[in-house]
Amino acid sequence: MAKAANQFAVVTGAPAGIGFDLARECAEHGYDLLIAADEPEINEAAARLQQYGKEVDAVQTDLTAKASVEKLYAAAAGRPINALLANAGRGLGRGFLDQDPDEWIRV
């Protein structure tokens, strides 16, 4: 990933694991960040990511609800998004055809 000057990335599912690592990579490469998750730990992740000297905003929101998606969009404050790393969601742990459509629509 090349260094980014005044670039802006949105990373969902970022409080831990792969999502946090994606956000950290962006921060290390000069991106300002908007990170989101439905867990309160998203605020702790934002604090840890600020060590890279970039702007980091966090939104605790459940992206399965339309109003929550709009909340995330509003938090971007009209900034052009240079990178979207959509890492939110959870697997259901069984074959897709064995899943109830109401369950996978939520995921």
N, C-alpha and C. Protein backbone atom coordinates (compact mmCIF):
# COMPACT_ATOMS: atom_id res chain seq x y z
N MET A 1 0.86 -1.18 0.00
CA MET A 1 0.00 0.00 0.00
C MET A 1 0.91 1.24 0.00
N ALA A 2 0.70 2.13 -0.92
CA ALA A 2 1.50 3.34 -1.02
C ALA A 2 1.08 4.36 0.04
N LYS A 3 2.00 5.25 0.39
CA LYS A 3 1.67 6.33 1.33
C LYS A 3 0.59 7.21 0.73
N ALA A 4 -0.36 7.64 1.55
CA ALA A 4 -1.48 8.44 1.09
C ALA A 4 -1.47 9.79 1.78
N ALA A 5 -1.48 10.86 1.00
CA ALA A 5 -1.54 12.20 1.57
C ALA A 5 -2.98 12.67 1.55
N ASN A 6 -3.50 13.01 2.72
CA ASN A 6 -4.87 13.51 2.84
C ASN A 6 -5.90 12.55 2.25
N GLN A 7 -5.64 11.27 2.37
CA GLN A 7 -6.58 10.26 1.91
C GLN A 7 -7.48 9.87 3.08
N PHE A 8 -8.66 9.36 2.76
CA PHE A 8 -9.66 9.04 3.77
C PHE A 8 -10.19 7.63 3.53
N ALA A 9 -10.13 6.80 4.56
CA ALA A 9 -10.60 5.43 4.48
C ALA A 9 -11.70 5.18 5.51
N VAL A 10 -12.69 4.40 5.11
CA VAL A 10 -13.74 3.94 6.00
C VAL A 10 -13.56 2.44 6.17
N VAL A 11 -13.47 2.00 7.43
CA VAL A 11 -13.26 0.58 7.73
C VAL A 11 -14.37 0.14 8.67
N THR A 12 -15.15 -0.85 8.25
CA THR A 12 -16.19 -1.39 9.13
C THR A 12 -15.67 -2.68 9.77
N GLY A 13 -16.24 -3.00 10.92
CA GLY A 13 -15.81 -4.18 11.66
C GLY A 13 -14.40 -4.04 12.19
N ALA A 14 -14.07 -2.83 12.68
CA ALA A 14 -12.68 -2.50 12.99
C ALA A 14 -12.26 -2.57 14.46
N PRO A 15 -13.04 -3.08 15.41
CA PRO A 15 -12.53 -3.03 16.78
C PRO A 15 -11.44 -4.05 17.08
N ALA A 16 -11.35 -5.12 16.29
CA ALA A 16 -10.38 -6.17 16.57
C ALA A 16 -10.16 -7.02 15.31
N GLY A 17 -9.23 -7.92 15.39
CA GLY A 17 -9.02 -8.90 14.34
C GLY A 17 -8.65 -8.29 13.00
N ILE A 18 -9.16 -8.88 11.93
CA ILE A 18 -8.86 -8.44 10.57
C ILE A 18 -9.25 -6.98 10.37
N GLY A 19 -10.41 -6.58 10.85
CA GLY A 19 -10.86 -5.20 10.68
C GLY A 19 -9.91 -4.21 11.31
N PHE A 20 -9.43 -4.50 12.52
CA PHE A 20 -8.47 -3.61 13.16
C PHE A 20 -7.17 -3.57 12.37
N ASP A 21 -6.73 -4.73 11.90
CA ASP A 21 -5.48 -4.76 11.13
C ASP A 21 -5.61 -3.98 9.83
N LEU A 22 -6.76 -4.04 9.18
CA LEU A 22 -6.98 -3.25 7.97
C LEU A 22 -6.91 -1.76 8.29
N ALA A 23 -7.56 -1.36 9.37
CA ALA A 23 -7.54 0.05 9.77
C ALA A 23 -6.12 0.49 10.13
N ARG A 24 -5.38 -0.36 10.83
CA ARG A 24 -4.00 -0.04 11.19
C ARG A 24 -3.13 0.14 9.94
N GLU A 25 -3.30 -0.73 8.96
CA GLU A 25 -2.56 -0.59 7.70
C GLU A 25 -2.85 0.75 7.04
N CYS A 26 -4.12 1.12 7.02
CA CYS A 26 -4.49 2.42 6.43
C CYS A 26 -3.84 3.56 7.19
N ALA A 27 -3.92 3.51 8.52
CA ALA A 27 -3.33 4.58 9.34
C ALA A 27 -1.82 4.65 9.14
N GLU A 28 -1.17 3.50 9.11
CA GLU A 28 0.28 3.47 8.92
C GLU A 28 0.69 4.06 7.57
N HIS A 29 -0.22 4.01 6.61
CA HIS A 29 0.07 4.51 5.27
C HIS A 29 -0.54 5.88 5.00
N GLY A 30 -0.89 6.58 6.07
CA GLY A 30 -1.25 7.98 5.94
C GLY A 30 -2.72 8.31 5.75
N TYR A 31 -3.59 7.34 5.87
CA TYR A 31 -5.02 7.61 5.70
C TYR A 31 -5.63 8.14 6.99
N ASP A 32 -6.47 9.16 6.89
CA ASP A 32 -7.38 9.49 7.97
C ASP A 32 -8.44 8.40 7.97
N LEU A 33 -9.02 8.13 9.14
CA LEU A 33 -9.94 6.99 9.25
C LEU A 33 -11.29 7.36 9.84
N LEU A 34 -12.29 6.66 9.35
CA LEU A 34 -13.59 6.55 9.99
C LEU A 34 -13.79 5.07 10.18
N ILE A 35 -13.85 4.64 11.44
CA ILE A 35 -14.01 3.21 11.72
C ILE A 35 -15.38 2.99 12.37
N ALA A 36 -15.94 1.82 12.13
CA ALA A 36 -17.28 1.54 12.63
C ALA A 36 -17.41 0.09 13.07
N ALA A 37 -18.26 -0.12 14.06
CA ALA A 37 -18.63 -1.45 14.53
C ALA A 37 -19.83 -1.30 15.44
N ASP A 38 -20.50 -2.41 15.70
CA ASP A 38 -21.66 -2.36 16.59
C ASP A 38 -21.27 -2.64 18.03
N GLU A 39 -19.99 -2.56 18.33
CA GLU A 39 -19.48 -2.85 19.67
C GLU A 39 -18.82 -1.61 20.28
N PRO A 40 -18.95 -1.41 21.59
CA PRO A 40 -18.34 -0.24 22.22
C PRO A 40 -16.82 -0.23 22.12
N GLU A 41 -16.20 -1.38 21.85
CA GLU A 41 -14.74 -1.45 21.73
C GLU A 41 -14.22 -0.64 20.54
N ILE A 42 -15.12 -0.18 19.68
CA ILE A 42 -14.69 0.63 18.53
C ILE A 42 -14.00 1.90 19.00
N ASN A 43 -14.44 2.43 20.14
CA ASN A 43 -13.82 3.65 20.67
C ASN A 43 -12.40 3.39 21.18
N GLU A 44 -12.18 2.22 21.79
CA GLU A 44 -10.84 1.84 22.22
C GLU A 44 -9.93 1.64 21.00
N ALA A 45 -10.47 1.05 19.96
CA ALA A 45 -9.69 0.86 18.73
C ALA A 45 -9.27 2.20 18.15
N ALA A 46 -10.17 3.16 18.16
CA ALA A 46 -9.85 4.50 17.64
C ALA A 46 -8.71 5.12 18.44
N ALA A 47 -8.75 4.98 19.74
CA ALA A 47 -7.68 5.53 20.58
C ALA A 47 -6.35 4.88 20.25
N ARG A 48 -6.35 3.56 20.03
CA ARG A 48 -5.10 2.86 19.69
C ARG A 48 -4.59 3.27 18.31
N LEU A 49 -5.48 3.54 17.38
CA LEU A 49 -5.07 3.91 16.03
C LEU A 49 -4.54 5.34 15.94
N GLN A 50 -4.89 6.18 16.90
CA GLN A 50 -4.44 7.57 16.86
C GLN A 50 -2.93 7.70 17.07
N GLN A 51 -2.29 6.65 17.53
CA GLN A 51 -0.83 6.69 17.71
C GLN A 51 -0.10 6.90 16.38
N TYR A 52 -0.78 6.66 15.27
CA TYR A 52 -0.15 6.82 13.96
C TYR A 52 -0.23 8.26 13.46
N GLY A 53 -0.81 9.15 14.26
CA GLY A 53 -0.80 10.57 13.95
C GLY A 53 -1.82 11.02 12.94
N LYS A 54 -2.76 10.20 12.61
CA LYS A 54 -3.80 10.56 11.65
C LYS A 54 -5.12 10.79 12.39
N GLU A 55 -6.04 11.45 11.70
CA GLU A 55 -7.37 11.67 12.27
C GLU A 55 -8.11 10.35 12.26
N VAL A 56 -8.68 9.98 13.42
CA VAL A 56 -9.44 8.74 13.53
C VAL A 56 -10.75 9.05 14.23
N ASP A 57 -11.85 8.82 13.53
CA ASP A 57 -13.18 8.97 14.11
C ASP A 57 -13.82 7.59 14.20
N ALA A 58 -14.60 7.37 15.25
CA ALA A 58 -15.26 6.09 15.46
C ALA A 58 -16.76 6.28 15.55
N VAL A 59 -17.49 5.32 15.00
CA VAL A 59 -18.95 5.32 15.08
C VAL A 59 -19.39 3.94 15.55
N GLN A 60 -20.10 3.91 16.66
CA GLN A 60 -20.69 2.65 17.11
C GLN A 60 -22.07 2.56 16.51
N THR A 61 -22.26 1.63 15.59
CA THR A 61 -23.53 1.53 14.89
C THR A 61 -23.70 0.12 14.32
N ASP A 62 -24.92 -0.34 14.25
CA ASP A 62 -25.26 -1.66 13.71
C ASP A 62 -25.65 -1.48 12.25
N LEU A 63 -24.79 -1.88 11.35
CA LEU A 63 -25.00 -1.61 9.93
C LEU A 63 -26.08 -2.47 9.28
N THR A 64 -26.77 -3.28 10.07
CA THR A 64 -27.90 -4.03 9.50
C THR A 64 -29.16 -3.17 9.42
N ALA A 65 -29.13 -2.00 10.04
CA ALA A 65 -30.28 -1.09 10.04
C ALA A 65 -29.99 0.09 9.12
N LYS A 66 -30.95 0.45 8.29
CA LYS A 66 -30.76 1.55 7.34
C LYS A 66 -30.38 2.85 8.04
N ALA A 67 -31.01 3.15 9.16
CA ALA A 67 -30.69 4.39 9.88
C ALA A 67 -29.24 4.39 10.34
N SER A 68 -28.72 3.22 10.68
CA SER A 68 -27.32 3.12 11.12
C SER A 68 -26.36 3.34 9.96
N VAL A 69 -26.72 2.85 8.78
CA VAL A 69 -25.89 3.10 7.60
C VAL A 69 -25.87 4.59 7.31
N GLU A 70 -27.02 5.24 7.45
CA GLU A 70 -27.09 6.69 7.24
C GLU A 70 -26.25 7.43 8.29
N LYS A 71 -26.20 6.90 9.51
CA LYS A 71 -25.37 7.49 10.57
C LYS A 71 -23.89 7.42 10.18
N LEU A 72 -23.47 6.28 9.63
CA LEU A 72 -22.09 6.14 9.19
C LEU A 72 -21.79 7.09 8.04
N TYR A 73 -22.70 7.17 7.09
CA TYR A 73 -22.53 8.08 5.95
C TYR A 73 -22.42 9.53 6.43
N ALA A 74 -23.26 9.91 7.37
CA ALA A 74 -23.22 11.28 7.92
C ALA A 74 -21.89 11.54 8.63
N ALA A 75 -21.35 10.53 9.29
CA ALA A 75 -20.09 10.70 10.00
C ALA A 75 -18.93 10.96 9.03
N ALA A 76 -19.08 10.54 7.80
CA ALA A 76 -18.05 10.81 6.79
C ALA A 76 -18.02 12.29 6.43
N ALA A 77 -19.07 13.02 6.80
CA ALA A 77 -19.14 14.48 6.67
C ALA A 77 -18.86 14.97 5.25
N GLY A 78 -19.29 14.22 4.27
CA GLY A 78 -19.14 14.66 2.89
C GLY A 78 -17.75 14.51 2.31
N ARG A 79 -16.82 13.96 3.09
CA ARG A 79 -15.46 13.77 2.58
C ARG A 79 -15.44 12.71 1.48
N PRO A 80 -14.67 12.91 0.45
CA PRO A 80 -14.50 11.84 -0.55
C PRO A 80 -13.85 10.63 0.11
N ILE A 81 -14.38 9.46 -0.12
CA ILE A 81 -13.85 8.23 0.47
C ILE A 81 -12.92 7.59 -0.56
N ASN A 82 -11.64 7.52 -0.21
CA ASN A 82 -10.65 6.96 -1.11
C ASN A 82 -10.54 5.45 -1.00
N ALA A 83 -10.90 4.92 0.17
CA ALA A 83 -10.84 3.47 0.37
C ALA A 83 -11.97 3.06 1.31
N LEU A 84 -12.72 2.04 0.90
CA LEU A 84 -13.78 1.47 1.73
C LEU A 84 -13.42 0.01 1.97
N LEU A 85 -13.18 -0.32 3.23
CA LEU A 85 -12.85 -1.68 3.61
C LEU A 85 -14.02 -2.22 4.42
N ALA A 86 -14.93 -2.89 3.73
CA ALA A 86 -16.17 -3.37 4.33
C ALA A 86 -15.93 -4.75 4.95
N ASN A 87 -15.67 -4.74 6.25
CA ASN A 87 -15.32 -5.96 6.96
C ASN A 87 -16.37 -6.33 8.01
N ALA A 88 -17.50 -5.64 8.02
CA ALA A 88 -18.54 -5.91 9.02
C ALA A 88 -19.27 -7.19 8.67
N GLY A 89 -19.83 -7.81 9.67
CA GLY A 89 -20.65 -9.01 9.46
C GLY A 89 -20.05 -10.21 10.16
N ARG A 90 -20.86 -11.23 10.25
CA ARG A 90 -20.43 -12.47 10.90
C ARG A 90 -20.96 -13.64 10.09
N GLY A 91 -20.15 -14.67 9.98
CA GLY A 91 -20.59 -15.88 9.30
C GLY A 91 -21.55 -16.66 10.18
N LEU A 92 -22.41 -17.43 9.54
CA LEU A 92 -23.38 -18.23 10.28
C LEU A 92 -22.87 -19.64 10.58
N GLY A 93 -21.75 -20.01 9.98
CA GLY A 93 -21.11 -21.27 10.34
C GLY A 93 -21.69 -22.51 9.71
N ARG A 94 -22.43 -22.39 8.64
CA ARG A 94 -22.91 -23.57 7.92
C ARG A 94 -23.08 -23.21 6.46
N GLY A 95 -23.31 -24.20 5.63
CA GLY A 95 -23.44 -23.99 4.20
C GLY A 95 -24.51 -22.96 3.86
N PHE A 96 -24.22 -22.13 2.86
CA PHE A 96 -25.14 -21.05 2.48
C PHE A 96 -26.55 -21.58 2.20
N LEU A 97 -26.66 -22.68 1.48
CA LEU A 97 -27.99 -23.21 1.13
C LEU A 97 -28.71 -23.82 2.33
N ASP A 98 -27.98 -24.04 3.41
CA ASP A 98 -28.59 -24.58 4.64
C ASP A 98 -29.04 -23.48 5.59
N GLN A 99 -28.85 -22.23 5.20
CA GLN A 99 -29.17 -21.10 6.07
C GLN A 99 -30.56 -20.55 5.77
N ASP A 100 -31.18 -20.02 6.79
CA ASP A 100 -32.46 -19.34 6.66
C ASP A 100 -32.21 -17.97 6.02
N PRO A 101 -32.90 -17.64 4.92
CA PRO A 101 -32.69 -16.34 4.27
C PRO A 101 -32.85 -15.14 5.21
N ASP A 102 -33.73 -15.24 6.20
CA ASP A 102 -33.87 -14.12 7.14
C ASP A 102 -32.58 -13.91 7.94
N GLU A 103 -31.85 -15.00 8.20
CA GLU A 103 -30.58 -14.89 8.93
C GLU A 103 -29.51 -14.27 8.06
N TRP A 104 -29.36 -14.72 6.80
CA TRP A 104 -28.27 -14.18 5.99
C TRP A 104 -28.55 -12.77 5.48
N ILE A 105 -29.79 -12.39 5.38
CA ILE A 105 -30.09 -11.00 5.03
C ILE A 105 -29.58 -10.07 6.14
N ARG A 106 -29.76 -10.48 7.38
CA ARG A 106 -29.26 -9.67 8.50
C ARG A 106 -27.74 -9.59 8.49
N VAL A 107 -27.08 -10.70 8.19
CA VAL A 107 -25.62 -10.71 8.17
C VAL A 107 -25.14 -9.83 7.04
